[in-house]
Amino acid sequence: MSLIIDGTAGVTFPNGSNPQAAPSKVLQVVQTVKTDTFSTTSSSYVDVTGLSVSITPLFSTSKILVNYSLQFSGITDSYGAATVLRNSTIITQGTSATGSQTNITTALAIGSSGNWDYKLQTSQFEVLDSPATTSAITYKVQVKATYSSRQININGPYSVDGSPYNNFGVSTITVMEIAA
């Protein structure tokens, strides 16, 4: 499900000007809400099905504020990672990993005790992107397993036994065009 709020849609301004495009003004907001589940054991990043959003910036000078919130789970003592891409390019991630270590955007780590198989956790991330375009852009979330191909789940627990504590959540990706 996507929501688009565009305060300038269908409005023509003389000489390309836009009185609504004052610096730091939010020009449009687009959000996708994912309510179903997804899982992977891939050690390479894969798209989270249904967790992408498209926006066409009104100005090439605009910044795009990108935010994602993931509900995730996995088998006890497992590790995963999430990232966000503009079209096919990762926007940002850590830079300090060496050897077999992994540079990531956000961690999806599952505890080593306490029945973590049944629990959902939240991972959130926000970054200000500068795409420098007025062409349509797609932002998407990808995840991967970073330890022994242990399964990472989105929006649902790793272990399900029909109990009330089997919680199923919602993940989102939201983008806002900000006038520069």
N, C-alpha and C. Protein backbone atom coordinates (compact mmCIF):
# COMPACT_ATOMS: atom_id res chain seq x y z
N MET A 1 0.84 -1.16 0.00
CA MET A 1 0.00 0.00 0.00
C MET A 1 0.90 1.23 0.00
N SER A 2 0.68 2.17 -0.92
CA SER A 2 1.46 3.39 -1.00
C SER A 2 0.58 4.60 -0.76
N LEU A 3 1.15 5.60 -0.12
CA LEU A 3 0.47 6.85 0.16
C LEU A 3 1.30 7.96 -0.43
N ILE A 4 0.68 8.84 -1.21
CA ILE A 4 1.39 9.96 -1.81
C ILE A 4 0.73 11.25 -1.37
N ILE A 5 1.53 12.16 -0.84
CA ILE A 5 1.06 13.49 -0.49
C ILE A 5 1.92 14.46 -1.27
N ASP A 6 1.33 15.18 -2.18
CA ASP A 6 2.07 16.09 -3.06
C ASP A 6 1.37 17.43 -3.06
N GLY A 7 1.97 18.42 -2.41
CA GLY A 7 1.35 19.73 -2.31
C GLY A 7 1.43 20.56 -3.56
N THR A 8 2.13 20.07 -4.61
CA THR A 8 2.27 20.88 -5.81
C THR A 8 1.77 20.17 -7.06
N ALA A 9 1.15 19.02 -6.93
CA ALA A 9 0.71 18.25 -8.10
C ALA A 9 -0.27 19.07 -8.93
N GLY A 10 -0.03 19.09 -10.24
CA GLY A 10 -0.95 19.74 -11.17
C GLY A 10 -0.87 21.26 -11.15
N VAL A 11 0.12 21.84 -10.48
CA VAL A 11 0.24 23.29 -10.40
C VAL A 11 1.40 23.73 -11.28
N THR A 12 1.15 24.74 -12.16
CA THR A 12 2.20 25.29 -13.00
C THR A 12 2.61 26.65 -12.46
N PHE A 13 3.92 26.86 -12.33
CA PHE A 13 4.43 28.11 -11.81
C PHE A 13 5.16 28.86 -12.91
N PRO A 14 5.03 30.19 -12.96
CA PRO A 14 5.68 30.98 -14.01
C PRO A 14 7.20 30.87 -13.92
N ASN A 15 7.85 30.81 -15.09
CA ASN A 15 9.32 30.78 -15.19
C ASN A 15 9.96 29.68 -14.35
N GLY A 16 9.23 28.60 -14.12
CA GLY A 16 9.78 27.48 -13.37
C GLY A 16 9.89 27.73 -11.89
N SER A 17 9.38 28.87 -11.41
CA SER A 17 9.47 29.16 -9.98
C SER A 17 8.41 28.38 -9.22
N ASN A 18 8.61 28.26 -7.93
CA ASN A 18 7.66 27.56 -7.08
C ASN A 18 7.70 28.19 -5.70
N PRO A 19 6.69 29.00 -5.36
CA PRO A 19 6.70 29.62 -4.05
C PRO A 19 6.60 28.62 -2.90
N GLN A 20 6.20 27.40 -3.19
CA GLN A 20 6.11 26.39 -2.14
C GLN A 20 7.44 25.69 -1.90
N ALA A 21 8.43 25.96 -2.74
CA ALA A 21 9.71 25.27 -2.65
C ALA A 21 10.73 26.04 -1.82
N ALA A 22 10.31 26.63 -0.74
CA ALA A 22 11.23 27.31 0.16
C ALA A 22 12.18 26.28 0.76
N PRO A 23 13.42 26.67 1.05
CA PRO A 23 14.37 25.71 1.63
C PRO A 23 13.80 25.01 2.86
N SER A 24 14.07 23.70 2.94
CA SER A 24 13.66 22.82 4.04
C SER A 24 12.17 22.53 4.07
N LYS A 25 11.43 22.94 3.07
CA LYS A 25 9.99 22.63 3.01
C LYS A 25 9.79 21.22 2.45
N VAL A 26 8.89 20.46 3.07
CA VAL A 26 8.55 19.14 2.56
C VAL A 26 7.63 19.32 1.36
N LEU A 27 8.06 18.83 0.21
CA LEU A 27 7.29 18.98 -1.03
C LEU A 27 6.36 17.81 -1.29
N GLN A 28 6.80 16.61 -0.95
CA GLN A 28 5.95 15.43 -1.12
C GLN A 28 6.45 14.31 -0.22
N VAL A 29 5.52 13.44 0.13
CA VAL A 29 5.81 12.29 0.99
C VAL A 29 5.19 11.07 0.34
N VAL A 30 5.96 9.99 0.26
CA VAL A 30 5.45 8.73 -0.29
C VAL A 30 5.85 7.61 0.67
N GLN A 31 4.91 6.71 0.96
CA GLN A 31 5.18 5.63 1.90
C GLN A 31 4.61 4.32 1.38
N THR A 32 5.35 3.25 1.62
CA THR A 32 4.85 1.90 1.38
C THR A 32 4.82 1.17 2.70
N VAL A 33 3.71 0.48 2.97
CA VAL A 33 3.51 -0.28 4.19
C VAL A 33 3.44 -1.76 3.81
N LYS A 34 4.31 -2.58 4.42
CA LYS A 34 4.31 -4.02 4.16
C LYS A 34 3.72 -4.73 5.37
N THR A 35 2.66 -5.51 5.16
CA THR A 35 2.00 -6.20 6.26
C THR A 35 2.16 -7.72 6.21
N ASP A 36 2.64 -8.25 5.07
CA ASP A 36 2.84 -9.70 4.98
C ASP A 36 4.27 -10.05 5.35
N THR A 37 4.60 -11.33 5.37
CA THR A 37 5.91 -11.78 5.82
C THR A 37 6.86 -12.05 4.66
N PHE A 38 8.14 -12.10 4.99
CA PHE A 38 9.21 -12.36 4.03
C PHE A 38 10.33 -13.05 4.79
N SER A 39 11.05 -13.95 4.14
CA SER A 39 12.21 -14.58 4.79
C SER A 39 13.29 -14.89 3.76
N THR A 40 14.52 -14.96 4.26
CA THR A 40 15.65 -15.31 3.39
C THR A 40 16.75 -15.96 4.21
N THR A 41 17.53 -16.82 3.55
CA THR A 41 18.76 -17.37 4.12
C THR A 41 19.96 -16.95 3.28
N SER A 42 19.72 -16.06 2.32
CA SER A 42 20.78 -15.63 1.39
C SER A 42 21.87 -14.85 2.12
N SER A 43 23.12 -15.13 1.77
CA SER A 43 24.24 -14.38 2.34
C SER A 43 24.55 -13.14 1.49
N SER A 44 23.79 -12.96 0.40
CA SER A 44 23.87 -11.75 -0.42
C SER A 44 22.57 -10.99 -0.26
N TYR A 45 22.62 -9.67 -0.40
CA TYR A 45 21.42 -8.87 -0.26
C TYR A 45 20.35 -9.27 -1.27
N VAL A 46 19.11 -9.38 -0.80
CA VAL A 46 17.96 -9.64 -1.66
C VAL A 46 16.86 -8.63 -1.32
N ASP A 47 16.06 -8.28 -2.33
CA ASP A 47 14.95 -7.35 -2.13
C ASP A 47 13.95 -7.94 -1.14
N VAL A 48 13.47 -7.12 -0.22
CA VAL A 48 12.33 -7.50 0.61
C VAL A 48 11.09 -7.24 -0.23
N THR A 49 10.42 -8.30 -0.65
CA THR A 49 9.28 -8.18 -1.53
C THR A 49 8.25 -7.21 -0.97
N GLY A 50 7.85 -6.24 -1.80
CA GLY A 50 6.81 -5.30 -1.39
C GLY A 50 7.29 -4.18 -0.49
N LEU A 51 8.60 -4.01 -0.34
CA LEU A 51 9.10 -2.93 0.51
C LEU A 51 9.97 -1.99 -0.32
N SER A 52 9.31 -1.33 -1.27
CA SER A 52 9.96 -0.33 -2.11
C SER A 52 8.97 0.81 -2.33
N VAL A 53 9.51 1.95 -2.74
CA VAL A 53 8.67 3.13 -2.95
C VAL A 53 9.29 3.95 -4.07
N SER A 54 8.44 4.54 -4.91
CA SER A 54 8.92 5.38 -6.01
C SER A 54 8.52 6.83 -5.80
N ILE A 55 9.42 7.72 -6.20
CA ILE A 55 9.16 9.15 -6.09
C ILE A 55 9.81 9.84 -7.29
N THR A 56 9.15 10.86 -7.80
CA THR A 56 9.71 11.69 -8.87
C THR A 56 9.93 13.08 -8.28
N PRO A 57 11.18 13.43 -8.01
CA PRO A 57 11.45 14.74 -7.42
C PRO A 57 10.99 15.88 -8.32
N LEU A 58 10.49 16.93 -7.70
CA LEU A 58 10.04 18.10 -8.45
C LEU A 58 11.22 18.95 -8.89
N PHE A 59 12.33 18.89 -8.14
CA PHE A 59 13.50 19.71 -8.43
C PHE A 59 14.76 18.86 -8.32
N SER A 60 15.72 19.09 -9.21
CA SER A 60 16.97 18.33 -9.16
C SER A 60 17.83 18.71 -7.96
N THR A 61 17.53 19.85 -7.34
CA THR A 61 18.29 20.29 -6.16
C THR A 61 17.71 19.73 -4.85
N SER A 62 16.57 19.09 -4.92
CA SER A 62 15.92 18.57 -3.71
C SER A 62 16.73 17.46 -3.06
N LYS A 63 16.56 17.33 -1.76
CA LYS A 63 17.07 16.20 -1.01
C LYS A 63 15.90 15.25 -0.79
N ILE A 64 16.20 13.97 -0.63
CA ILE A 64 15.17 12.97 -0.33
C ILE A 64 15.51 12.35 1.02
N LEU A 65 14.61 12.55 1.99
CA LEU A 65 14.77 11.93 3.30
C LEU A 65 14.17 10.53 3.23
N VAL A 66 15.02 9.52 3.44
CA VAL A 66 14.62 8.12 3.31
C VAL A 66 14.61 7.50 4.71
N ASN A 67 13.51 6.82 5.05
CA ASN A 67 13.38 6.19 6.35
C ASN A 67 12.80 4.79 6.17
N TYR A 68 13.41 3.81 6.82
CA TYR A 68 12.74 2.50 6.87
C TYR A 68 12.67 2.01 8.30
N SER A 69 11.64 1.22 8.56
CA SER A 69 11.43 0.58 9.85
C SER A 69 11.09 -0.87 9.57
N LEU A 70 11.88 -1.79 10.11
CA LEU A 70 11.69 -3.22 9.87
C LEU A 70 11.34 -3.95 11.17
N GLN A 71 10.32 -4.79 11.11
CA GLN A 71 10.05 -5.76 12.17
C GLN A 71 10.73 -7.05 11.71
N PHE A 72 11.63 -7.60 12.52
CA PHE A 72 12.39 -8.77 12.06
C PHE A 72 12.56 -9.80 13.17
N SER A 73 12.91 -11.01 12.74
CA SER A 73 13.21 -12.10 13.67
C SER A 73 14.16 -13.07 12.99
N GLY A 74 14.57 -14.07 13.74
CA GLY A 74 15.42 -15.12 13.20
C GLY A 74 15.64 -16.17 14.26
N ILE A 75 16.34 -17.23 13.88
CA ILE A 75 16.64 -18.27 14.84
C ILE A 75 17.61 -17.70 15.89
N THR A 76 17.52 -18.19 17.11
CA THR A 76 18.37 -17.72 18.20
C THR A 76 19.84 -17.67 17.78
N ASP A 77 20.52 -16.59 18.17
CA ASP A 77 21.94 -16.39 17.92
C ASP A 77 22.27 -16.34 16.43
N SER A 78 21.51 -15.54 15.70
CA SER A 78 21.82 -15.35 14.28
C SER A 78 21.99 -13.86 14.00
N TYR A 79 22.54 -13.58 12.85
CA TYR A 79 22.88 -12.22 12.48
C TYR A 79 22.45 -11.96 11.05
N GLY A 80 21.95 -10.75 10.82
CA GLY A 80 21.57 -10.34 9.48
C GLY A 80 21.87 -8.86 9.31
N ALA A 81 21.57 -8.35 8.13
CA ALA A 81 21.81 -6.95 7.84
C ALA A 81 20.74 -6.45 6.89
N ALA A 82 20.50 -5.15 6.95
CA ALA A 82 19.57 -4.49 6.04
C ALA A 82 20.25 -3.29 5.42
N THR A 83 19.80 -2.92 4.24
CA THR A 83 20.31 -1.73 3.57
C THR A 83 19.20 -1.14 2.72
N VAL A 84 19.43 0.07 2.23
CA VAL A 84 18.47 0.73 1.36
C VAL A 84 19.19 1.20 0.10
N LEU A 85 18.53 1.01 -1.02
CA LEU A 85 19.12 1.37 -2.31
C LEU A 85 18.29 2.43 -3.01
N ARG A 86 18.98 3.30 -3.75
CA ARG A 86 18.34 4.19 -4.72
C ARG A 86 18.53 3.51 -6.06
N ASN A 87 17.43 3.06 -6.66
CA ASN A 87 17.47 2.23 -7.86
C ASN A 87 18.34 1.01 -7.56
N SER A 88 19.55 0.92 -8.08
CA SER A 88 20.38 -0.27 -7.82
C SER A 88 21.63 0.06 -7.00
N THR A 89 21.69 1.27 -6.42
CA THR A 89 22.87 1.71 -5.69
C THR A 89 22.59 1.83 -4.19
N ILE A 90 23.40 1.16 -3.38
CA ILE A 90 23.29 1.31 -1.92
C ILE A 90 23.61 2.77 -1.59
N ILE A 91 22.75 3.40 -0.79
CA ILE A 91 22.93 4.82 -0.47
C ILE A 91 24.12 5.03 0.46
N THR A 92 24.17 4.27 1.54
CA THR A 92 25.27 4.42 2.49
C THR A 92 25.39 3.16 3.35
N GLN A 93 26.59 2.90 3.82
CA GLN A 93 26.83 1.80 4.75
C GLN A 93 28.16 2.05 5.45
N GLY A 94 28.45 1.26 6.46
CA GLY A 94 29.70 1.42 7.19
C GLY A 94 30.90 1.25 6.27
N THR A 95 32.06 1.71 6.73
CA THR A 95 33.27 1.64 5.91
C THR A 95 34.47 1.04 6.65
N SER A 96 34.27 0.55 7.87
CA SER A 96 35.42 0.14 8.69
C SER A 96 35.71 -1.36 8.68
N ALA A 97 34.86 -2.15 8.04
CA ALA A 97 35.09 -3.61 8.04
C ALA A 97 36.35 -3.97 7.29
N THR A 98 37.05 -5.00 7.80
CA THR A 98 38.24 -5.53 7.12
C THR A 98 38.13 -7.05 7.09
N GLY A 99 38.92 -7.66 6.24
CA GLY A 99 38.93 -9.12 6.15
C GLY A 99 37.55 -9.66 5.83
N SER A 100 37.07 -10.60 6.65
CA SER A 100 35.77 -11.21 6.40
C SER A 100 34.63 -10.47 7.10
N GLN A 101 34.93 -9.33 7.74
CA GLN A 101 33.89 -8.52 8.38
C GLN A 101 32.98 -7.92 7.32
N THR A 102 31.83 -7.37 7.76
CA THR A 102 30.82 -6.89 6.81
C THR A 102 30.43 -5.45 7.08
N ASN A 103 30.54 -4.59 6.06
CA ASN A 103 29.98 -3.24 6.14
C ASN A 103 28.49 -3.33 5.84
N ILE A 104 27.67 -2.74 6.72
CA ILE A 104 26.22 -2.81 6.57
C ILE A 104 25.62 -1.43 6.82
N THR A 105 24.31 -1.33 6.61
CA THR A 105 23.58 -0.11 6.94
C THR A 105 22.98 -0.25 8.32
N THR A 106 22.18 -1.29 8.57
CA THR A 106 21.69 -1.57 9.93
C THR A 106 21.79 -3.06 10.20
N ALA A 107 21.95 -3.39 11.48
CA ALA A 107 22.10 -4.78 11.91
C ALA A 107 20.75 -5.40 12.23
N LEU A 108 20.62 -6.68 11.94
CA LEU A 108 19.45 -7.48 12.32
C LEU A 108 19.99 -8.63 13.17
N ALA A 109 20.28 -8.36 14.43
CA ALA A 109 20.89 -9.34 15.31
C ALA A 109 19.85 -9.96 16.23
N ILE A 110 19.91 -11.28 16.40
CA ILE A 110 18.96 -12.02 17.22
C ILE A 110 19.71 -12.52 18.46
N GLY A 111 19.12 -12.35 19.65
CA GLY A 111 19.74 -12.73 20.91
C GLY A 111 20.09 -14.21 21.00
N SER A 112 20.96 -14.53 21.97
CA SER A 112 21.45 -15.91 22.10
C SER A 112 20.72 -16.72 23.16
N SER A 113 19.77 -16.11 23.88
CA SER A 113 18.99 -16.86 24.86
C SER A 113 17.63 -16.20 25.04
N GLY A 114 16.72 -16.88 25.67
CA GLY A 114 15.42 -16.28 25.97
C GLY A 114 14.37 -16.45 24.89
N ASN A 115 14.43 -17.53 24.14
CA ASN A 115 13.41 -17.83 23.12
C ASN A 115 13.27 -16.74 22.07
N TRP A 116 14.39 -16.22 21.58
CA TRP A 116 14.34 -15.17 20.57
C TRP A 116 13.67 -15.63 19.28
N ASP A 117 13.58 -16.94 19.05
CA ASP A 117 12.92 -17.46 17.84
C ASP A 117 11.49 -16.95 17.72
N TYR A 118 10.86 -16.65 18.86
CA TYR A 118 9.45 -16.27 18.88
C TYR A 118 9.24 -14.75 18.92
N LYS A 119 10.31 -13.97 18.99
CA LYS A 119 10.19 -12.53 19.24
C LYS A 119 10.49 -11.68 18.02
N LEU A 120 9.74 -10.59 17.87
CA LEU A 120 10.02 -9.59 16.84
C LEU A 120 10.85 -8.46 17.44
N GLN A 121 11.74 -7.92 16.64
CA GLN A 121 12.52 -6.75 17.01
C GLN A 121 12.35 -5.69 15.91
N THR A 122 12.80 -4.48 16.19
CA THR A 122 12.68 -3.40 15.23
C THR A 122 14.05 -2.84 14.87
N SER A 123 14.27 -2.61 13.59
CA SER A 123 15.46 -1.94 13.10
C SER A 123 15.01 -0.73 12.29
N GLN A 124 15.53 0.45 12.62
CA GLN A 124 15.14 1.66 11.91
C GLN A 124 16.37 2.37 11.38
N PHE A 125 16.15 3.11 10.28
CA PHE A 125 17.26 3.84 9.66
C PHE A 125 16.70 5.05 8.93
N GLU A 126 17.49 6.12 8.92
CA GLU A 126 17.10 7.34 8.21
C GLU A 126 18.33 7.99 7.63
N VAL A 127 18.23 8.46 6.38
CA VAL A 127 19.35 9.14 5.73
C VAL A 127 18.80 10.19 4.76
N LEU A 128 19.55 11.26 4.58
CA LEU A 128 19.19 12.31 3.64
C LEU A 128 19.99 12.08 2.36
N ASP A 129 19.29 11.77 1.28
CA ASP A 129 19.91 11.43 0.00
C ASP A 129 19.86 12.63 -0.94
N SER A 130 20.83 12.72 -1.84
CA SER A 130 20.89 13.80 -2.84
C SER A 130 20.94 13.17 -4.23
N PRO A 131 19.77 12.80 -4.79
CA PRO A 131 19.78 12.09 -6.07
C PRO A 131 20.07 12.97 -7.28
N ALA A 132 19.90 14.30 -7.19
CA ALA A 132 20.21 15.24 -8.27
C ALA A 132 19.52 14.88 -9.58
N THR A 133 18.21 14.65 -9.50
CA THR A 133 17.45 14.30 -10.69
C THR A 133 15.98 14.69 -10.52
N THR A 134 15.29 14.80 -11.65
CA THR A 134 13.83 14.94 -11.62
C THR A 134 13.18 13.72 -12.29
N SER A 135 13.97 12.69 -12.50
CA SER A 135 13.44 11.42 -13.03
C SER A 135 12.94 10.56 -11.88
N ALA A 136 12.06 9.62 -12.19
CA ALA A 136 11.52 8.73 -11.17
C ALA A 136 12.64 7.91 -10.53
N ILE A 137 12.56 7.77 -9.21
CA ILE A 137 13.54 7.01 -8.43
C ILE A 137 12.78 5.96 -7.63
N THR A 138 13.37 4.77 -7.52
CA THR A 138 12.81 3.75 -6.64
C THR A 138 13.79 3.50 -5.50
N TYR A 139 13.29 3.61 -4.28
CA TYR A 139 14.06 3.25 -3.09
C TYR A 139 13.54 1.91 -2.60
N LYS A 140 14.44 1.01 -2.23
CA LYS A 140 14.01 -0.31 -1.78
C LYS A 140 14.90 -0.81 -0.65
N VAL A 141 14.33 -1.68 0.16
CA VAL A 141 15.05 -2.29 1.28
C VAL A 141 15.50 -3.69 0.88
N GLN A 142 16.74 -4.02 1.20
CA GLN A 142 17.27 -5.36 1.00
C GLN A 142 17.79 -5.88 2.33
N VAL A 143 17.75 -7.21 2.49
CA VAL A 143 18.29 -7.85 3.69
C VAL A 143 19.12 -9.06 3.29
N LYS A 144 19.96 -9.50 4.24
CA LYS A 144 20.74 -10.72 4.03
C LYS A 144 21.07 -11.34 5.37
N ALA A 145 21.39 -12.63 5.35
CA ALA A 145 21.88 -13.34 6.52
C ALA A 145 23.40 -13.20 6.50
N THR A 146 23.99 -12.80 7.63
CA THR A 146 25.44 -12.59 7.65
C THR A 146 26.19 -13.65 8.46
N TYR A 147 25.47 -14.68 8.93
CA TYR A 147 26.12 -15.73 9.71
C TYR A 147 25.51 -17.08 9.38
N SER A 148 26.28 -17.95 8.76
CA SER A 148 25.91 -19.35 8.50
C SER A 148 24.57 -19.52 7.80
N SER A 149 24.20 -18.57 6.97
CA SER A 149 22.94 -18.64 6.21
C SER A 149 21.72 -18.89 7.11
N ARG A 150 21.75 -18.36 8.32
CA ARG A 150 20.61 -18.52 9.22
C ARG A 150 19.48 -17.59 8.78
N GLN A 151 18.29 -18.12 8.79
CA GLN A 151 17.13 -17.43 8.24
C GLN A 151 16.82 -16.12 8.98
N ILE A 152 16.54 -15.09 8.18
CA ILE A 152 16.06 -13.80 8.68
C ILE A 152 14.63 -13.63 8.18
N ASN A 153 13.72 -13.30 9.09
CA ASN A 153 12.31 -13.09 8.75
C ASN A 153 11.95 -11.62 8.91
N ILE A 154 11.07 -11.15 8.06
CA ILE A 154 10.51 -9.80 8.17
C ILE A 154 9.03 -9.93 8.49
N ASN A 155 8.58 -9.21 9.50
CA ASN A 155 7.17 -9.10 9.92
C ASN A 155 6.60 -10.34 10.61
N GLY A 156 7.41 -11.35 10.85
CA GLY A 156 6.89 -12.53 11.55
C GLY A 156 7.99 -13.26 12.30
N PRO A 157 7.62 -14.04 13.32
CA PRO A 157 8.62 -14.76 14.11
C PRO A 157 9.22 -15.94 13.33
N TYR A 158 10.40 -16.34 13.74
CA TYR A 158 11.04 -17.51 13.13
C TYR A 158 10.27 -18.77 13.51
N SER A 159 9.90 -18.88 14.79
CA SER A 159 9.16 -20.04 15.28
C SER A 159 7.72 -19.65 15.55
N VAL A 160 6.79 -20.46 15.05
CA VAL A 160 5.36 -20.20 15.23
C VAL A 160 4.73 -21.45 15.80
N ASP A 161 4.02 -21.30 16.94
CA ASP A 161 3.36 -22.46 17.55
C ASP A 161 1.89 -22.20 17.86
N GLY A 162 1.34 -21.11 17.28
CA GLY A 162 -0.08 -20.83 17.47
C GLY A 162 -0.42 -20.11 18.76
N SER A 163 0.60 -19.69 19.50
CA SER A 163 0.38 -19.02 20.79
C SER A 163 0.13 -17.52 20.59
N PRO A 164 -0.49 -16.87 21.57
CA PRO A 164 -0.74 -15.43 21.48
C PRO A 164 0.54 -14.60 21.35
N TYR A 165 1.69 -15.14 21.81
CA TYR A 165 2.93 -14.39 21.69
C TYR A 165 3.55 -14.50 20.30
N ASN A 166 2.92 -15.23 19.37
CA ASN A 166 3.36 -15.23 17.97
C ASN A 166 2.84 -13.94 17.33
N ASN A 167 3.67 -12.91 17.37
CA ASN A 167 3.29 -11.59 16.86
C ASN A 167 3.71 -11.43 15.40
N PHE A 168 2.87 -10.76 14.63
CA PHE A 168 3.15 -10.45 13.24
C PHE A 168 3.03 -8.94 13.07
N GLY A 169 4.07 -8.30 12.52
CA GLY A 169 4.14 -6.85 12.52
C GLY A 169 4.05 -6.21 11.14
N VAL A 170 4.46 -4.95 11.10
CA VAL A 170 4.40 -4.11 9.91
C VAL A 170 5.75 -3.46 9.70
N SER A 171 6.20 -3.42 8.46
CA SER A 171 7.42 -2.71 8.11
C SER A 171 7.07 -1.62 7.10
N THR A 172 7.85 -0.54 7.10
CA THR A 172 7.56 0.59 6.21
C THR A 172 8.82 1.15 5.58
N ILE A 173 8.63 1.80 4.44
CA ILE A 173 9.66 2.66 3.86
C ILE A 173 8.96 3.95 3.47
N THR A 174 9.56 5.07 3.88
CA THR A 174 8.97 6.39 3.64
C THR A 174 10.01 7.30 3.03
N VAL A 175 9.64 8.04 2.00
CA VAL A 175 10.54 9.03 1.42
C VAL A 175 9.84 10.39 1.39
N MET A 176 10.62 11.42 1.67
CA MET A 176 10.10 12.80 1.64
C MET A 176 11.02 13.66 0.79
N GLU A 177 10.44 14.38 -0.14
CA GLU A 177 11.24 15.34 -0.91
C GLU A 177 11.34 16.63 -0.09
N ILE A 178 12.56 17.09 0.14
CA ILE A 178 12.82 18.30 0.91
C ILE A 178 13.44 19.33 -0.02
N ALA A 179 12.84 20.52 -0.09
CA ALA A 179 13.40 21.59 -0.94
C ALA A 179 14.75 22.01 -0.40
N ALA A 180 15.72 22.16 -1.29
CA ALA A 180 17.08 22.55 -0.87
C ALA A 180 17.23 24.07 -0.89
